[in-house]
Amino acid sequence: MPPIENDTGKNDLKSQIQLLIDSNQVMVFSKSYCPYCVTVKDLFKELKLEFNAVELDLIEDGTNFQDMLLEMTGQKSVPNVFINKTHVGGCDKTLQAHKDGSLQQLLCAETEAYDYDLIVIGGGSGGLACSKEAAALGKKAIVLDYVVPTPKGTTWGLGGTCVNVGCIPKKLMHQTAMLGTAIQDARKFGWEIDEKGEASEQQRPRRSRRGDIGPVCRVKHNWDTMKEAVSNYIGSLNWGYRVALRDKNVNYVNAYAEFIEPHKVKVKWEEPPCCGSL
C-alpha cells in the first residue's frame, strides 16, 4: 500500500493504532518471521498472558503502521510492545522489564478508567446522530463502522444501509425515471423540444381517450452515466458524514467491532491471523 500523504489518512491510521493500544492490556506490533517477536510472544504465552498481536508483514498497510508507530513512539523496529497503554519497547526492553519486575507492575496497574464515554458500533443515521449528540454534551465518543464485503467485493462508506444501498439510491433511480417521463410531458407546458427522426415503438405513446398526444422526442438513457452519478452523490454523503464527525470531535474508525464484555469492545481490521486475540 502506498504511503499515506494526507492528514486525514494519517489521523485515521493513528486512531486505529491508538484504539488497539487502548483496547488491549498487552498489545504487540510484530512480524511473523521476526525471531525477536517470537521471543516476546513466547514470553507472554509462558506467563499465560492474553495478548493481541498485529503482524505487520501480513496486513496490507503494515508499512504505514510501522511509520506511524515510529512517529508515535520513536521506535520503528519490531516487536513494539505496549502494556496497559504504556509503551515498553522492543524485545530487549520487554525481557529486561520481566527480569527487574517492572513488567509485572505494569500488568497490575489500575485500569478501571474507561477509554470512552460512548462507543457506537455502526455508522448509520442512528449511530451518527447519537455519537454527535454525546460529543455535544461533552462526552468522549467513538464510532466504529465496518461493512463486510459482498461476494463480489462490494463495500461502502458511512451512512448505513439506507444511504448506501437502500432508500437513497432507490430514490435517485426513481427520480431518473421521472425525469425521462417529464421530458415527454414538458411540451404540454410550453417547452419546445427539437424532435428529430422517427420515434421507436418503445418511444411512441399509447393512445388515450383524446387520441395521440403528439410526436415523441427521441430520448436515450445511459445506464452507466446514471450509475456513476448515483455513486458520486452517495460518495459525497459518505465524506460529509466523516467531516461532520470530525467537526464534532467524534473519533471515527473504519473497523469491525463486537462487545466481548459489558464494558469492553474487541476491534479488528483483518481476519485472523493478521490481527486477533491470542
Protein backbone atom coordinates (compact mmCIF):
# COMPACT_ATOMS: atom_id res chain seq x y z
CA MET A 1 0.00 0.00 0.00
CA PRO A 2 1.46 3.44 -0.91
CA PRO A 3 2.49 5.87 1.85
CA ILE A 4 -0.28 7.99 3.32
CA GLU A 5 0.26 11.62 2.34
CA ASN A 6 -2.85 13.48 3.56
CA ASP A 7 -3.56 14.48 7.17
CA THR A 8 -6.97 12.77 7.22
CA GLY A 9 -5.45 9.41 6.29
CA LYS A 10 -2.69 9.78 8.88
CA ASN A 11 -5.16 10.75 11.60
CA ASP A 12 -7.35 7.75 10.76
CA LEU A 13 -4.35 5.42 10.94
CA LYS A 14 -3.19 6.93 14.23
CA SER A 15 -6.70 6.45 15.63
CA GLN A 16 -6.65 2.79 14.59
CA ILE A 17 -3.31 2.19 16.30
CA GLN A 18 -4.31 4.10 19.43
CA LEU A 19 -7.56 2.14 19.66
CA LEU A 20 -5.63 -1.13 19.53
CA ILE A 21 -3.33 0.10 22.29
CA ASP A 22 -6.22 1.33 24.41
CA SER A 23 -8.34 -1.81 23.91
CA ASN A 24 -5.75 -4.44 24.84
CA GLN A 25 -3.88 -4.93 28.10
CA VAL A 26 -0.94 -6.37 26.16
CA MET A 27 -0.51 -5.14 22.58
CA VAL A 28 2.30 -6.37 20.32
CA PHE A 29 3.08 -4.96 16.88
CA SER A 30 5.04 -7.78 15.34
CA LYS A 31 6.23 -9.50 12.16
CA SER A 32 5.56 -13.18 11.69
CA TYR A 33 9.11 -14.05 10.61
CA CYS A 34 10.97 -11.97 13.23
CA PRO A 35 12.77 -14.13 15.86
CA TYR A 36 12.71 -11.28 18.40
CA CYS A 37 8.94 -11.03 18.01
CA VAL A 38 8.63 -14.78 18.52
CA THR A 39 10.70 -14.48 21.72
CA VAL A 40 8.40 -11.81 23.16
CA LYS A 41 5.22 -13.67 22.23
CA ASP A 42 6.62 -16.88 23.72
CA LEU A 43 7.31 -14.98 26.96
CA PHE A 44 3.71 -13.80 27.18
CA LYS A 45 2.46 -17.32 26.43
CA GLU A 46 4.72 -18.69 29.16
CA LEU A 47 3.29 -16.11 31.57
CA LYS A 48 -0.22 -17.13 30.42
CA LEU A 49 -0.99 -13.56 29.39
CA GLU A 50 -3.64 -12.84 26.78
CA PHE A 51 -2.20 -10.51 24.18
CA ASN A 52 -3.15 -9.06 20.82
CA ALA A 53 -0.60 -9.26 18.02
CA VAL A 54 -0.79 -7.41 14.72
CA GLU A 55 1.59 -8.99 12.21
CA LEU A 56 2.68 -6.00 10.15
CA ASP A 57 4.03 -8.17 7.32
CA LEU A 58 0.62 -9.80 6.85
CA ILE A 59 -1.58 -6.71 6.58
CA GLU A 60 -1.87 -4.51 3.52
CA ASP A 61 -0.85 -1.24 5.20
CA GLY A 62 1.79 -2.72 7.50
CA THR A 63 4.45 -0.29 6.28
CA ASN A 64 2.22 2.68 7.08
CA PHE A 65 1.53 1.17 10.52
CA GLN A 66 5.26 0.93 11.16
CA ASP A 67 5.87 4.51 10.02
CA MET A 68 3.11 5.79 12.30
CA LEU A 69 4.48 3.78 15.24
CA LEU A 70 7.82 5.47 14.66
CA GLU A 71 6.10 8.85 14.81
CA MET A 72 4.19 7.89 17.97
CA THR A 73 6.96 6.12 19.92
CA GLY A 74 10.29 6.91 18.28
CA GLN A 75 10.71 3.19 17.58
CA LYS A 76 10.37 1.63 14.13
CA SER A 77 11.73 -1.85 14.86
CA VAL A 78 9.60 -4.80 15.94
CA PRO A 79 8.39 -6.06 18.27
CA ASN A 80 6.80 -2.87 19.56
CA VAL A 81 5.15 -3.69 22.88
CA PHE A 82 2.54 -1.80 24.90
CA ILE A 83 1.20 -2.86 28.31
CA ASN A 84 -1.81 -1.10 29.80
CA LYS A 85 -1.33 1.74 27.27
CA THR A 86 2.32 2.20 28.32
CA HIS A 87 5.00 1.84 25.67
CA VAL A 88 7.51 -0.79 26.83
CA GLY A 89 9.66 -1.02 23.70
CA GLY A 90 11.27 -3.89 21.83
CA CYS A 91 12.44 -7.37 22.71
CA ASP A 92 15.40 -6.40 24.93
CA LYS A 93 13.40 -3.87 26.96
CA THR A 94 10.50 -6.29 27.39
CA LEU A 95 12.80 -9.06 28.64
CA GLN A 96 14.55 -6.61 30.96
CA ALA A 97 11.20 -5.42 32.33
CA HIS A 98 10.29 -9.02 33.07
CA LYS A 99 13.63 -9.58 34.79
CA ASP A 100 13.51 -6.49 37.02
CA GLY A 101 9.80 -6.84 37.91
CA SER A 102 8.59 -3.68 36.18
CA LEU A 103 6.63 -5.78 33.68
CA GLN A 104 4.51 -7.21 36.49
CA GLN A 105 3.96 -3.74 37.91
CA LEU A 106 2.64 -2.56 34.55
CA LEU A 107 0.36 -5.58 34.31
CA CYS A 108 -1.09 -4.83 37.75
CA ALA A 109 -1.61 -1.13 37.05
CA GLU A 110 -5.06 0.30 37.68
CA THR A 111 -7.11 0.02 34.50
CA GLU A 112 -10.68 0.71 35.62
CA ALA A 113 -10.95 4.07 33.85
CA TYR A 114 -12.81 3.75 30.56
CA ASP A 115 -11.32 4.91 27.27
CA TYR A 116 -14.62 6.36 26.02
CA ASP A 117 -17.88 7.53 27.49
CA LEU A 118 -19.74 6.16 24.47
CA ILE A 119 -18.80 3.55 21.86
CA VAL A 120 -21.11 3.29 18.86
CA ILE A 121 -20.91 0.23 16.62
CA GLY A 122 -22.43 1.08 13.26
CA GLY A 123 -22.30 4.31 11.26
CA GLY A 124 -25.94 4.54 10.20
CA SER A 125 -28.19 7.53 10.84
CA GLY A 126 -28.90 6.49 14.44
CA GLY A 127 -25.26 5.86 15.33
CA LEU A 128 -24.08 9.11 13.75
CA ALA A 129 -26.75 11.19 15.49
CA CYS A 130 -26.16 9.50 18.85
CA SER A 131 -22.38 9.99 18.79
CA LYS A 132 -22.59 13.65 17.75
CA GLU A 133 -25.16 14.41 20.44
CA ALA A 134 -22.96 12.75 23.06
CA ALA A 135 -19.97 14.81 21.93
CA ALA A 136 -22.07 17.98 22.08
CA LEU A 137 -22.80 17.13 25.71
CA GLY A 138 -19.09 16.92 26.46
CA LYS A 139 -18.69 13.14 26.27
CA LYS A 140 -15.82 11.30 24.59
CA ALA A 141 -17.37 9.27 21.77
CA ILE A 142 -16.17 6.95 19.03
CA VAL A 143 -17.92 5.41 16.02
CA LEU A 144 -16.76 2.00 14.78
CA ASP A 145 -18.18 1.18 11.36
CA TYR A 146 -17.25 -1.65 9.02
CA VAL A 147 -19.03 -3.24 6.08
CA VAL A 148 -18.22 -6.87 5.36
CA PRO A 149 -17.63 -7.05 1.57
CA THR A 150 -20.18 -8.91 -0.54
CA PRO A 151 -19.09 -11.99 -2.54
CA LYS A 152 -18.32 -9.56 -5.38
CA GLY A 153 -16.20 -7.39 -3.10
CA THR A 154 -18.70 -4.54 -2.81
CA THR A 155 -18.43 -2.34 0.26
CA TRP A 156 -19.41 1.23 1.16
CA GLY A 157 -18.80 4.14 3.50
CA LEU A 158 -20.51 5.86 6.40
CA GLY A 159 -24.27 6.31 6.40
CA GLY A 160 -25.62 2.79 6.80
CA THR A 161 -27.73 0.61 4.54
CA CYS A 162 -30.34 3.26 3.71
CA VAL A 163 -27.85 5.81 2.41
CA ASN A 164 -25.60 3.41 0.54
CA VAL A 165 -27.74 0.59 -0.87
CA GLY A 166 -31.30 1.36 0.19
CA CYS A 167 -33.57 4.39 0.19
CA ILE A 168 -31.21 6.98 -1.28
CA PRO A 169 -30.01 5.13 -4.41
CA LYS A 170 -33.55 3.81 -4.94
CA LYS A 171 -35.00 7.33 -4.85
CA LEU A 172 -32.27 8.66 -7.14
CA MET A 173 -33.07 5.97 -9.71
CA HIS A 174 -36.78 6.66 -9.30
CA GLN A 175 -36.08 10.34 -9.95
CA THR A 176 -34.13 9.33 -13.06
CA ALA A 177 -37.20 7.53 -14.40
CA MET A 178 -39.42 10.51 -13.59
CA LEU A 179 -37.08 12.83 -15.48
CA GLY A 180 -37.50 10.68 -18.58
CA THR A 181 -41.28 10.94 -18.31
CA ALA A 182 -41.08 14.66 -17.61
CA ILE A 183 -39.26 15.24 -20.89
CA GLN A 184 -42.24 13.75 -22.72
CA ASP A 185 -44.75 15.82 -20.74
CA ALA A 186 -42.81 19.10 -20.93
CA ARG A 187 -44.20 20.06 -24.35
CA LYS A 188 -47.70 20.33 -22.93
CA PHE A 189 -46.50 23.16 -20.72
CA GLY A 190 -44.65 25.21 -23.28
CA TRP A 191 -41.27 23.54 -23.52
CA GLU A 192 -40.11 23.37 -27.12
CA ILE A 193 -38.06 20.26 -27.77
CA ASP A 194 -36.25 19.61 -31.02
CA GLU A 195 -37.75 16.41 -32.36
CA LYS A 196 -35.59 14.74 -34.96
CA GLY A 197 -36.28 11.47 -36.69
CA GLU A 198 -38.91 8.89 -36.02
CA ALA A 199 -39.55 7.55 -32.55
CA SER A 200 -39.09 3.85 -31.92
CA GLU A 201 -42.02 1.65 -30.96
CA GLN A 202 -40.89 1.84 -27.32
CA GLN A 203 -40.83 5.63 -27.51
CA ARG A 204 -44.27 6.00 -29.10
CA PRO A 205 -47.01 7.00 -26.60
CA ARG A 206 -50.11 4.91 -26.06
CA ARG A 207 -53.36 6.29 -27.41
CA SER A 208 -55.59 7.99 -24.88
CA ARG A 209 -59.27 8.91 -24.99
CA ARG A 210 -58.23 12.15 -26.65
CA GLY A 211 -56.15 10.37 -29.26
CA ASP A 212 -52.37 10.58 -29.70
CA ILE A 213 -50.70 13.16 -27.53
CA GLY A 214 -48.39 14.10 -30.37
CA PRO A 215 -44.91 13.21 -31.59
CA VAL A 216 -42.37 11.96 -29.08
CA CYS A 217 -38.85 13.36 -28.84
CA ARG A 218 -36.03 10.87 -29.22
CA VAL A 219 -34.65 10.24 -25.74
CA LYS A 220 -31.87 7.81 -24.89
CA HIS A 221 -30.84 6.82 -21.38
CA ASN A 222 -27.26 5.87 -20.48
CA TRP A 223 -27.29 3.41 -17.57
CA ASP A 224 -23.56 3.72 -16.85
CA THR A 225 -23.80 7.51 -16.61
CA MET A 226 -26.65 7.18 -14.13
CA LYS A 227 -24.71 4.66 -12.02
CA GLU A 228 -21.72 6.98 -11.86
CA ALA A 229 -23.90 9.95 -10.89
CA VAL A 230 -25.64 7.97 -8.13
CA SER A 231 -22.31 6.65 -6.82
CA ASN A 232 -20.78 10.13 -6.81
CA TYR A 233 -23.74 11.56 -4.91
CA ILE A 234 -23.59 8.83 -2.27
CA GLY A 235 -19.82 9.26 -2.02
CA SER A 236 -20.34 12.95 -1.25
CA LEU A 237 -22.71 11.97 1.56
CA ASN A 238 -20.15 9.50 2.97
CA TRP A 239 -17.50 12.21 3.02
CA GLY A 240 -19.89 14.72 4.57
CA TYR A 241 -20.64 12.35 7.45
CA ARG A 242 -16.92 11.89 8.14
CA VAL A 243 -16.36 15.64 8.16
CA ALA A 244 -19.34 16.13 10.50
CA LEU A 245 -17.91 13.60 12.98
CA ARG A 246 -14.53 15.30 12.87
CA ASP A 247 -16.10 18.72 13.41
CA LYS A 248 -17.99 17.39 16.44
CA ASN A 249 -14.80 15.79 17.86
CA VAL A 250 -16.14 12.26 17.45
CA ASN A 251 -13.44 9.68 16.77
CA TYR A 252 -14.19 7.50 13.72
CA VAL A 253 -12.50 4.20 12.91
CA ASN A 254 -13.34 2.02 9.92
CA ALA A 255 -13.09 -1.32 11.73
CA TYR A 256 -15.16 -4.34 12.73
CA ALA A 257 -16.13 -4.36 16.41
CA GLU A 258 -18.05 -6.55 18.83
CA PHE A 259 -18.78 -6.48 22.54
CA ILE A 260 -16.97 -9.19 24.48
CA GLU A 261 -17.79 -7.86 27.97
CA PRO A 262 -20.30 -5.29 29.28
CA HIS A 263 -17.66 -2.53 29.08
CA LYS A 264 -15.17 -3.99 26.63
CA VAL A 265 -15.13 -4.00 22.83
CA LYS A 266 -12.90 -6.07 20.59
CA VAL A 267 -11.79 -4.38 17.37
CA LYS A 268 -10.10 -5.88 14.34
CA TRP A 269 -9.19 -4.73 10.84
CA GLU A 270 -8.14 -8.03 9.26
CA GLU A 271 -9.22 -11.64 9.52
CA PRO A 272 -7.04 -13.83 11.77
CA PRO A 273 -4.16 -14.46 11.92
CA CYS A 274 -3.33 -10.90 10.88
CA CYS A 275 -4.99 -9.41 13.91
CA GLY A 276 -6.72 -11.14 16.76
CA SER A 277 -6.62 -12.05 20.40
CA LEU A 278 -4.20 -14.82 21.28
